Amino acid sequence: MGSRRGFTLIEILLVAGIMAILGTGIFLALDRYQFGRNLELDAKTLLYAIRDAQQRSITQEVSSGDTPAQWGVVITRTAVAPSYFELVAQAVGRTSTVTSPITRFQLRNGVEFASAVASTSIIFSRVSGTPLVGGTTTVSLYLISNSAERKTITIDAQNGQAKLF
């Protein structure tokens, strides 16, 4: 008998099966990594928006008209559409307070706010930059696919310092 060349059908199916298993594992690992990265990016973007609002309040930046505004961030959790947060300017007049959204940031795929409240406002006082609401403010974001994986931002009521954990 002559020498055989090539592979048998069983060998080809075995290699294809191993490749399919490895490919699925790699795909799932990359998907988890991407969601984790989305969480990290959203948390940092929210932290930077909070710090930006605080700095604008301290410097008494004017949003519209001639009245210096109090600046802040409004966090909105929605059931249907992606949740979002907005950088806002709050002009305080003699008879009314007008809140104007400046920039809106939508949360990325797979990320949600941990708060059960539909809307949370973090407004900073002019000059001092401390939050208008007393006490430490905490905002948490988590992965929908893994609620144990979360990022938390705390804002100290005494000095207004925002930190990401």
N, C-alpha and C. Protein backbone atom coordinates (compact mmCIF):
# COMPACT_ATOMS: atom_id res chain seq x y z
N MET A 1 0.83 -1.17 0.00
CA MET A 1 0.00 0.00 0.00
C MET A 1 0.87 1.24 0.00
N GLY A 2 0.33 2.25 -0.63
CA GLY A 2 1.05 3.53 -0.72
C GLY A 2 0.81 4.37 0.52
N SER A 3 1.61 5.43 0.65
CA SER A 3 1.44 6.33 1.80
C SER A 3 0.22 7.22 1.59
N ARG A 4 -0.45 7.50 2.69
CA ARG A 4 -1.63 8.37 2.63
C ARG A 4 -1.22 9.82 2.78
N ARG A 5 -1.90 10.70 2.06
CA ARG A 5 -1.68 12.13 2.19
C ARG A 5 -3.00 12.77 2.53
N GLY A 6 -2.99 13.81 3.39
CA GLY A 6 -4.21 14.51 3.73
C GLY A 6 -4.70 14.13 5.12
N PHE A 7 -5.83 14.69 5.48
CA PHE A 7 -6.42 14.48 6.80
C PHE A 7 -7.74 13.74 6.66
N THR A 8 -8.09 13.01 7.70
CA THR A 8 -9.39 12.33 7.70
C THR A 8 -10.47 13.32 8.11
N LEU A 9 -11.68 12.96 7.84
CA LEU A 9 -12.82 13.81 8.19
C LEU A 9 -12.89 14.04 9.71
N ILE A 10 -12.60 13.04 10.48
CA ILE A 10 -12.65 13.16 11.94
C ILE A 10 -11.59 14.15 12.43
N GLU A 11 -10.41 14.12 11.87
CA GLU A 11 -9.37 15.07 12.26
C GLU A 11 -9.78 16.51 11.94
N ILE A 12 -10.37 16.71 10.80
CA ILE A 12 -10.82 18.06 10.40
C ILE A 12 -11.94 18.54 11.32
N LEU A 13 -12.90 17.68 11.64
CA LEU A 13 -14.00 18.06 12.53
C LEU A 13 -13.49 18.35 13.95
N LEU A 14 -12.53 17.59 14.40
CA LEU A 14 -11.96 17.80 15.72
C LEU A 14 -11.27 19.16 15.81
N VAL A 15 -10.48 19.50 14.82
CA VAL A 15 -9.80 20.81 14.79
C VAL A 15 -10.82 21.94 14.69
N ALA A 16 -11.85 21.79 13.87
CA ALA A 16 -12.89 22.81 13.73
C ALA A 16 -13.63 23.01 15.06
N GLY A 17 -13.91 21.94 15.77
CA GLY A 17 -14.58 22.04 17.07
C GLY A 17 -13.73 22.77 18.10
N ILE A 18 -12.46 22.45 18.14
CA ILE A 18 -11.55 23.13 19.07
C ILE A 18 -11.46 24.62 18.74
N MET A 19 -11.39 24.95 17.47
CA MET A 19 -11.32 26.36 17.06
C MET A 19 -12.61 27.09 17.43
N ALA A 20 -13.75 26.44 17.29
CA ALA A 20 -15.02 27.07 17.65
C ALA A 20 -15.09 27.35 19.15
N ILE A 21 -14.64 26.42 19.97
CA ILE A 21 -14.64 26.61 21.42
C ILE A 21 -13.71 27.75 21.81
N LEU A 22 -12.52 27.77 21.24
CA LEU A 22 -11.56 28.85 21.53
C LEU A 22 -12.10 30.21 21.06
N GLY A 23 -12.69 30.24 19.90
CA GLY A 23 -13.25 31.49 19.37
C GLY A 23 -14.36 32.03 20.24
N THR A 24 -15.23 31.17 20.73
CA THR A 24 -16.32 31.60 21.61
C THR A 24 -15.76 32.16 22.91
N GLY A 25 -14.78 31.50 23.48
CA GLY A 25 -14.16 31.98 24.72
C GLY A 25 -13.51 33.34 24.54
N ILE A 26 -12.82 33.53 23.45
CA ILE A 26 -12.17 34.82 23.17
C ILE A 26 -13.22 35.90 22.97
N PHE A 27 -14.27 35.59 22.25
CA PHE A 27 -15.34 36.57 22.00
C PHE A 27 -15.99 37.02 23.31
N LEU A 28 -16.29 36.07 24.20
CA LEU A 28 -16.91 36.41 25.48
C LEU A 28 -15.97 37.24 26.36
N ALA A 29 -14.69 36.91 26.35
CA ALA A 29 -13.72 37.68 27.13
C ALA A 29 -13.61 39.11 26.60
N LEU A 30 -13.59 39.29 25.31
CA LEU A 30 -13.52 40.63 24.73
C LEU A 30 -14.79 41.42 25.02
N ASP A 31 -15.93 40.75 25.00
CA ASP A 31 -17.20 41.41 25.29
C ASP A 31 -17.21 41.92 26.73
N ARG A 32 -16.78 41.09 27.69
CA ARG A 32 -16.69 41.50 29.10
C ARG A 32 -15.72 42.66 29.26
N TYR A 33 -14.60 42.59 28.58
CA TYR A 33 -13.60 43.66 28.64
C TYR A 33 -14.20 44.97 28.13
N GLN A 34 -14.95 44.92 27.03
CA GLN A 34 -15.54 46.13 26.45
C GLN A 34 -16.55 46.75 27.40
N PHE A 35 -17.40 45.94 28.04
CA PHE A 35 -18.37 46.48 29.00
C PHE A 35 -17.65 47.11 30.19
N GLY A 36 -16.59 46.47 30.67
CA GLY A 36 -15.80 47.03 31.77
C GLY A 36 -15.17 48.36 31.38
N ARG A 37 -14.71 48.44 30.16
CA ARG A 37 -14.12 49.69 29.65
C ARG A 37 -15.19 50.77 29.54
N ASN A 38 -16.40 50.41 29.11
CA ASN A 38 -17.51 51.37 29.03
C ASN A 38 -17.81 51.95 30.42
N LEU A 39 -17.82 51.08 31.44
CA LEU A 39 -18.08 51.52 32.80
C LEU A 39 -17.01 52.51 33.25
N GLU A 40 -15.77 52.18 33.01
CA GLU A 40 -14.65 53.06 33.39
C GLU A 40 -14.74 54.41 32.69
N LEU A 41 -15.02 54.42 31.39
CA LEU A 41 -15.11 55.66 30.64
C LEU A 41 -16.29 56.52 31.09
N ASP A 42 -17.45 55.91 31.34
CA ASP A 42 -18.62 56.67 31.80
C ASP A 42 -18.37 57.27 33.18
N ALA A 43 -17.74 56.51 34.07
CA ALA A 43 -17.45 57.02 35.41
C ALA A 43 -16.49 58.21 35.35
N LYS A 44 -15.46 58.11 34.52
CA LYS A 44 -14.51 59.22 34.38
C LYS A 44 -15.16 60.44 33.73
N THR A 45 -16.01 60.22 32.74
CA THR A 45 -16.70 61.33 32.08
C THR A 45 -17.61 62.05 33.08
N LEU A 46 -18.34 61.29 33.91
CA LEU A 46 -19.20 61.89 34.93
C LEU A 46 -18.36 62.65 35.95
N LEU A 47 -17.24 62.09 36.39
CA LEU A 47 -16.36 62.76 37.33
C LEU A 47 -15.86 64.09 36.75
N TYR A 48 -15.44 64.08 35.48
CA TYR A 48 -14.95 65.31 34.85
C TYR A 48 -16.06 66.33 34.68
N ALA A 49 -17.29 65.89 34.41
CA ALA A 49 -18.42 66.82 34.29
C ALA A 49 -18.72 67.45 35.65
N ILE A 50 -18.65 66.67 36.72
CA ILE A 50 -18.87 67.20 38.07
C ILE A 50 -17.80 68.24 38.41
N ARG A 51 -16.55 67.92 38.13
CA ARG A 51 -15.46 68.86 38.41
C ARG A 51 -15.57 70.12 37.55
N ASP A 52 -16.00 69.96 36.31
CA ASP A 52 -16.19 71.12 35.42
C ASP A 52 -17.30 72.02 35.97
N ALA A 53 -18.41 71.43 36.38
CA ALA A 53 -19.51 72.22 36.94
C ALA A 53 -19.07 72.95 38.21
N GLN A 54 -18.31 72.27 39.03
CA GLN A 54 -17.82 72.88 40.26
C GLN A 54 -16.90 74.07 39.95
N GLN A 55 -16.00 73.88 39.00
CA GLN A 55 -15.08 74.96 38.64
C GLN A 55 -15.82 76.15 38.04
N ARG A 56 -16.84 75.90 37.22
CA ARG A 56 -17.63 76.98 36.64
C ARG A 56 -18.40 77.74 37.73
N SER A 57 -18.86 77.04 38.76
CA SER A 57 -19.53 77.72 39.87
C SER A 57 -18.56 78.59 40.66
N ILE A 58 -17.37 78.07 40.91
CA ILE A 58 -16.36 78.82 41.67
C ILE A 58 -15.98 80.10 40.93
N THR A 59 -15.79 80.00 39.63
CA THR A 59 -15.39 81.18 38.85
C THR A 59 -16.57 82.05 38.46
N GLN A 60 -17.78 81.63 38.84
CA GLN A 60 -19.01 82.37 38.57
C GLN A 60 -19.20 82.63 37.08
N GLU A 61 -18.95 81.60 36.30
CA GLU A 61 -19.11 81.70 34.84
C GLU A 61 -20.57 82.01 34.51
N VAL A 62 -20.75 82.87 33.53
CA VAL A 62 -22.08 83.27 33.11
C VAL A 62 -22.54 82.33 32.00
N SER A 63 -23.77 81.78 32.13
CA SER A 63 -24.27 80.86 31.10
C SER A 63 -25.02 81.62 30.02
N SER A 64 -25.88 82.55 30.42
CA SER A 64 -26.61 83.38 29.47
C SER A 64 -27.04 84.64 30.22
N GLY A 65 -27.08 85.75 29.53
CA GLY A 65 -27.41 86.99 30.21
C GLY A 65 -26.22 87.48 31.01
N ASP A 66 -26.49 88.24 32.06
CA ASP A 66 -25.42 88.83 32.86
C ASP A 66 -25.30 88.23 34.25
N THR A 67 -26.19 87.29 34.59
CA THR A 67 -26.20 86.74 35.93
C THR A 67 -25.26 85.54 36.04
N PRO A 68 -24.30 85.59 36.98
CA PRO A 68 -23.46 84.41 37.19
C PRO A 68 -24.32 83.22 37.60
N ALA A 69 -23.99 82.07 37.11
CA ALA A 69 -24.82 80.88 37.34
C ALA A 69 -24.20 79.98 38.40
N GLN A 70 -25.08 79.20 39.02
CA GLN A 70 -24.64 78.05 39.79
C GLN A 70 -24.63 76.91 38.80
N TRP A 71 -23.57 76.13 38.81
CA TRP A 71 -23.44 75.05 37.85
C TRP A 71 -23.60 73.71 38.55
N GLY A 72 -23.97 72.71 37.80
CA GLY A 72 -24.11 71.39 38.38
C GLY A 72 -24.30 70.31 37.33
N VAL A 73 -24.64 69.13 37.81
CA VAL A 73 -24.88 67.96 36.97
C VAL A 73 -26.22 67.37 37.38
N VAL A 74 -27.06 67.09 36.39
CA VAL A 74 -28.34 66.42 36.65
C VAL A 74 -28.24 65.02 36.05
N ILE A 75 -28.48 64.02 36.90
CA ILE A 75 -28.39 62.61 36.50
C ILE A 75 -29.81 62.09 36.32
N THR A 76 -30.07 61.50 35.16
CA THR A 76 -31.42 60.99 34.87
C THR A 76 -31.33 59.52 34.52
N ARG A 77 -32.07 58.72 35.28
CA ARG A 77 -32.14 57.27 35.02
C ARG A 77 -33.46 56.99 34.32
N THR A 78 -33.38 56.36 33.15
CA THR A 78 -34.58 56.05 32.38
C THR A 78 -34.76 54.54 32.28
N ALA A 79 -36.01 54.13 32.09
CA ALA A 79 -36.30 52.70 32.00
C ALA A 79 -36.16 52.18 30.58
N VAL A 80 -36.42 53.02 29.59
CA VAL A 80 -36.44 52.56 28.21
C VAL A 80 -35.17 52.97 27.46
N ALA A 81 -34.92 54.25 27.38
CA ALA A 81 -33.75 54.76 26.64
C ALA A 81 -32.52 54.70 27.54
N PRO A 82 -31.33 54.86 26.96
CA PRO A 82 -30.13 54.89 27.81
C PRO A 82 -30.20 56.06 28.80
N SER A 83 -29.79 55.82 30.05
CA SER A 83 -29.74 56.87 31.04
C SER A 83 -28.67 57.88 30.64
N TYR A 84 -28.74 59.07 31.23
CA TYR A 84 -27.82 60.13 30.83
C TYR A 84 -27.59 61.09 31.99
N PHE A 85 -26.59 61.97 31.83
CA PHE A 85 -26.37 63.07 32.76
C PHE A 85 -26.08 64.31 31.95
N GLU A 86 -26.42 65.47 32.54
CA GLU A 86 -26.27 66.73 31.84
C GLU A 86 -25.50 67.72 32.70
N LEU A 87 -24.63 68.48 32.05
CA LEU A 87 -24.01 69.64 32.67
C LEU A 87 -25.04 70.75 32.56
N VAL A 88 -25.40 71.38 33.70
CA VAL A 88 -26.45 72.39 33.68
C VAL A 88 -25.98 73.68 34.34
N ALA A 89 -26.60 74.78 33.90
CA ALA A 89 -26.40 76.09 34.52
C ALA A 89 -27.71 76.47 35.17
N GLN A 90 -27.62 76.95 36.40
CA GLN A 90 -28.83 77.31 37.12
C GLN A 90 -28.75 78.80 37.46
N ALA A 91 -29.55 79.60 36.75
CA ALA A 91 -29.59 81.04 36.99
C ALA A 91 -30.63 81.32 38.06
N VAL A 92 -30.19 81.93 39.14
CA VAL A 92 -31.08 82.21 40.26
C VAL A 92 -31.46 83.69 40.20
N GLY A 93 -32.74 83.93 39.91
CA GLY A 93 -33.24 85.29 39.85
C GLY A 93 -33.93 85.67 41.14
N ARG A 94 -34.52 86.85 41.17
CA ARG A 94 -35.23 87.30 42.38
C ARG A 94 -36.51 86.51 42.60
N THR A 95 -37.15 86.12 41.52
CA THR A 95 -38.45 85.45 41.66
C THR A 95 -38.45 84.00 41.20
N SER A 96 -37.44 83.59 40.47
CA SER A 96 -37.45 82.22 39.95
C SER A 96 -36.04 81.70 39.73
N THR A 97 -35.96 80.38 39.58
CA THR A 97 -34.71 79.71 39.26
C THR A 97 -34.89 78.98 37.95
N VAL A 98 -33.99 79.23 37.00
CA VAL A 98 -34.08 78.60 35.69
C VAL A 98 -32.87 77.69 35.50
N THR A 99 -33.13 76.42 35.24
CA THR A 99 -32.05 75.45 34.99
C THR A 99 -31.98 75.18 33.50
N SER A 100 -30.80 75.40 32.92
CA SER A 100 -30.61 75.22 31.48
C SER A 100 -29.59 74.12 31.23
N PRO A 101 -29.97 73.06 30.51
CA PRO A 101 -28.98 72.03 30.16
C PRO A 101 -27.99 72.58 29.14
N ILE A 102 -26.72 72.29 29.36
CA ILE A 102 -25.66 72.76 28.47
C ILE A 102 -25.17 71.62 27.58
N THR A 103 -24.83 70.49 28.19
CA THR A 103 -24.31 69.33 27.46
C THR A 103 -24.91 68.06 28.04
N ARG A 104 -25.30 67.13 27.17
CA ARG A 104 -25.85 65.85 27.60
C ARG A 104 -24.88 64.73 27.24
N PHE A 105 -24.69 63.81 28.18
CA PHE A 105 -23.84 62.64 27.99
C PHE A 105 -24.68 61.39 28.22
N GLN A 106 -24.81 60.52 27.21
CA GLN A 106 -25.52 59.26 27.38
C GLN A 106 -24.57 58.19 27.88
N LEU A 107 -25.09 57.33 28.76
CA LEU A 107 -24.28 56.21 29.22
C LEU A 107 -24.09 55.22 28.07
N ARG A 108 -22.95 54.59 28.06
CA ARG A 108 -22.63 53.62 27.02
C ARG A 108 -23.39 52.31 27.24
N ASN A 109 -23.34 51.47 26.24
CA ASN A 109 -24.02 50.18 26.27
C ASN A 109 -23.58 49.34 27.46
N GLY A 110 -24.55 48.82 28.22
CA GLY A 110 -24.27 47.92 29.33
C GLY A 110 -24.03 48.60 30.66
N VAL A 111 -24.12 49.94 30.72
CA VAL A 111 -23.85 50.68 31.96
C VAL A 111 -25.14 51.36 32.43
N GLU A 112 -25.35 51.38 33.76
CA GLU A 112 -26.56 52.00 34.33
C GLU A 112 -26.21 52.64 35.66
N PHE A 113 -27.02 53.64 36.07
CA PHE A 113 -26.87 54.24 37.39
C PHE A 113 -27.48 53.31 38.43
N ALA A 114 -26.88 53.26 39.62
CA ALA A 114 -27.36 52.36 40.66
C ALA A 114 -28.51 52.96 41.46
N SER A 115 -28.74 54.24 41.35
CA SER A 115 -29.78 54.90 42.13
C SER A 115 -31.17 54.46 41.71
N ALA A 116 -32.05 54.31 42.70
CA ALA A 116 -33.44 53.96 42.40
C ALA A 116 -34.24 55.20 42.04
N VAL A 117 -33.68 56.38 42.33
CA VAL A 117 -34.35 57.64 42.04
C VAL A 117 -34.20 57.96 40.55
N ALA A 118 -35.26 58.46 39.95
CA ALA A 118 -35.25 58.74 38.51
C ALA A 118 -34.33 59.91 38.16
N SER A 119 -34.21 60.90 39.03
CA SER A 119 -33.40 62.07 38.72
C SER A 119 -32.70 62.57 39.98
N THR A 120 -31.43 62.92 39.85
CA THR A 120 -30.63 63.46 40.94
C THR A 120 -29.91 64.70 40.45
N SER A 121 -29.95 65.77 41.24
CA SER A 121 -29.26 67.00 40.88
C SER A 121 -28.12 67.25 41.85
N ILE A 122 -26.96 67.60 41.30
CA ILE A 122 -25.81 67.99 42.10
C ILE A 122 -25.46 69.40 41.64
N ILE A 123 -25.85 70.40 42.43
CA ILE A 123 -25.62 71.80 42.08
C ILE A 123 -24.61 72.36 43.08
N PHE A 124 -23.66 73.14 42.56
CA PHE A 124 -22.60 73.71 43.40
C PHE A 124 -22.86 75.19 43.65
N SER A 125 -22.53 75.64 44.86
CA SER A 125 -22.73 77.04 45.20
C SER A 125 -21.62 77.89 44.55
N ARG A 126 -21.98 79.14 44.29
CA ARG A 126 -21.00 80.05 43.71
C ARG A 126 -19.89 80.34 44.71
N VAL A 127 -18.74 80.62 44.21
CA VAL A 127 -17.52 80.98 44.94
C VAL A 127 -16.94 79.81 45.73
N SER A 128 -17.71 79.17 46.65
CA SER A 128 -17.14 78.10 47.47
C SER A 128 -17.02 76.78 46.72
N GLY A 129 -17.95 76.51 45.80
CA GLY A 129 -17.92 75.27 45.04
C GLY A 129 -18.37 74.05 45.81
N THR A 130 -19.01 74.25 46.96
CA THR A 130 -19.52 73.11 47.72
C THR A 130 -20.93 72.77 47.23
N PRO A 131 -21.33 71.52 47.35
CA PRO A 131 -22.68 71.15 46.93
C PRO A 131 -23.74 71.88 47.76
N LEU A 132 -24.84 72.27 47.12
CA LEU A 132 -25.91 72.96 47.83
C LEU A 132 -26.61 72.04 48.82
N VAL A 133 -26.69 70.75 48.49
CA VAL A 133 -27.30 69.77 49.39
C VAL A 133 -26.24 69.31 50.37
N GLY A 134 -26.57 69.37 51.67
CA GLY A 134 -25.62 68.96 52.70
C GLY A 134 -25.38 67.46 52.69
N GLY A 135 -24.29 67.06 53.31
CA GLY A 135 -23.95 65.64 53.38
C GLY A 135 -23.16 65.20 52.16
N THR A 136 -22.51 64.08 52.29
CA THR A 136 -21.73 63.53 51.19
C THR A 136 -22.66 62.96 50.14
N THR A 137 -22.41 63.33 48.89
CA THR A 137 -23.22 62.83 47.78
C THR A 137 -22.48 61.66 47.14
N THR A 138 -23.21 60.59 46.87
CA THR A 138 -22.63 59.40 46.25
C THR A 138 -23.42 59.03 45.01
N VAL A 139 -22.68 58.80 43.91
CA VAL A 139 -23.29 58.35 42.66
C VAL A 139 -22.57 57.08 42.24
N SER A 140 -23.33 56.02 41.96
CA SER A 140 -22.73 54.74 41.55
C SER A 140 -23.22 54.35 40.17
N LEU A 141 -22.30 53.80 39.38
CA LEU A 141 -22.63 53.21 38.10
C LEU A 141 -22.24 51.75 38.17
N TYR A 142 -22.98 50.90 37.45
CA TYR A 142 -22.66 49.47 37.47
C TYR A 142 -22.90 48.86 36.09
N LEU A 143 -22.34 47.67 35.89
CA LEU A 143 -22.57 46.93 34.66
C LEU A 143 -23.88 46.17 34.79
N ILE A 144 -24.72 46.26 33.77
CA ILE A 144 -26.00 45.56 33.78
C ILE A 144 -25.77 44.04 33.83
N SER A 145 -24.74 43.57 33.14
CA SER A 145 -24.47 42.13 33.09
C SER A 145 -23.82 41.60 34.36
N ASN A 146 -23.25 42.50 35.19
CA ASN A 146 -22.58 42.08 36.41
C ASN A 146 -22.68 43.23 37.42
N SER A 147 -23.74 43.24 38.22
CA SER A 147 -23.99 44.37 39.12
C SER A 147 -22.93 44.50 40.22
N ALA A 148 -22.11 43.48 40.42
CA ALA A 148 -21.04 43.58 41.41
C ALA A 148 -19.90 44.47 40.91
N GLU A 149 -19.78 44.62 39.61
CA GLU A 149 -18.74 45.48 39.04
C GLU A 149 -19.30 46.89 38.92
N ARG A 150 -18.79 47.79 39.78
CA ARG A 150 -19.32 49.15 39.80
C ARG A 150 -18.23 50.17 40.08
N LYS A 151 -18.55 51.41 39.77
CA LYS A 151 -17.69 52.56 40.05
C LYS A 151 -18.53 53.55 40.85
N THR A 152 -17.92 54.15 41.87
CA THR A 152 -18.63 55.09 42.73
C THR A 152 -17.89 56.41 42.78
N ILE A 153 -18.66 57.49 42.68
CA ILE A 153 -18.12 58.84 42.81
C ILE A 153 -18.72 59.44 44.07
N THR A 154 -17.86 59.97 44.96
CA THR A 154 -18.33 60.65 46.15
C THR A 154 -17.93 62.11 46.09
N ILE A 155 -18.84 62.97 46.57
CA ILE A 155 -18.58 64.41 46.61
C ILE A 155 -18.71 64.83 48.07
N ASP A 156 -17.60 65.28 48.65
CA ASP A 156 -17.55 65.68 50.04
C ASP A 156 -18.30 67.00 50.23
N ALA A 157 -19.18 67.06 51.21
CA ALA A 157 -19.98 68.27 51.44
C ALA A 157 -19.14 69.41 52.01
N GLN A 158 -18.06 69.09 52.71
CA GLN A 158 -17.24 70.11 53.36
C GLN A 158 -16.42 70.92 52.36
N ASN A 159 -15.72 70.21 51.46
CA ASN A 159 -14.84 70.90 50.52
C ASN A 159 -15.25 70.73 49.06
N GLY A 160 -16.27 69.93 48.80
CA GLY A 160 -16.75 69.74 47.45
C GLY A 160 -15.87 68.85 46.59
N GLN A 161 -14.87 68.21 47.19
CA GLN A 161 -13.94 67.38 46.43
C GLN A 161 -14.63 66.11 45.94
N ALA A 162 -14.52 65.85 44.63
CA ALA A 162 -15.11 64.65 44.02
C ALA A 162 -14.03 63.61 43.79
N LYS A 163 -14.32 62.37 44.18
CA LYS A 163 -13.36 61.27 44.03
C LYS A 163 -14.04 60.08 43.38
N LEU A 164 -13.28 59.35 42.59
CA LEU A 164 -13.76 58.14 41.91
C LEU A 164 -13.15 56.92 42.61
N PHE A 165 -14.04 55.97 42.95
CA PHE A 165 -13.60 54.71 43.57
C PHE A 165 -14.04 53.54 42.73
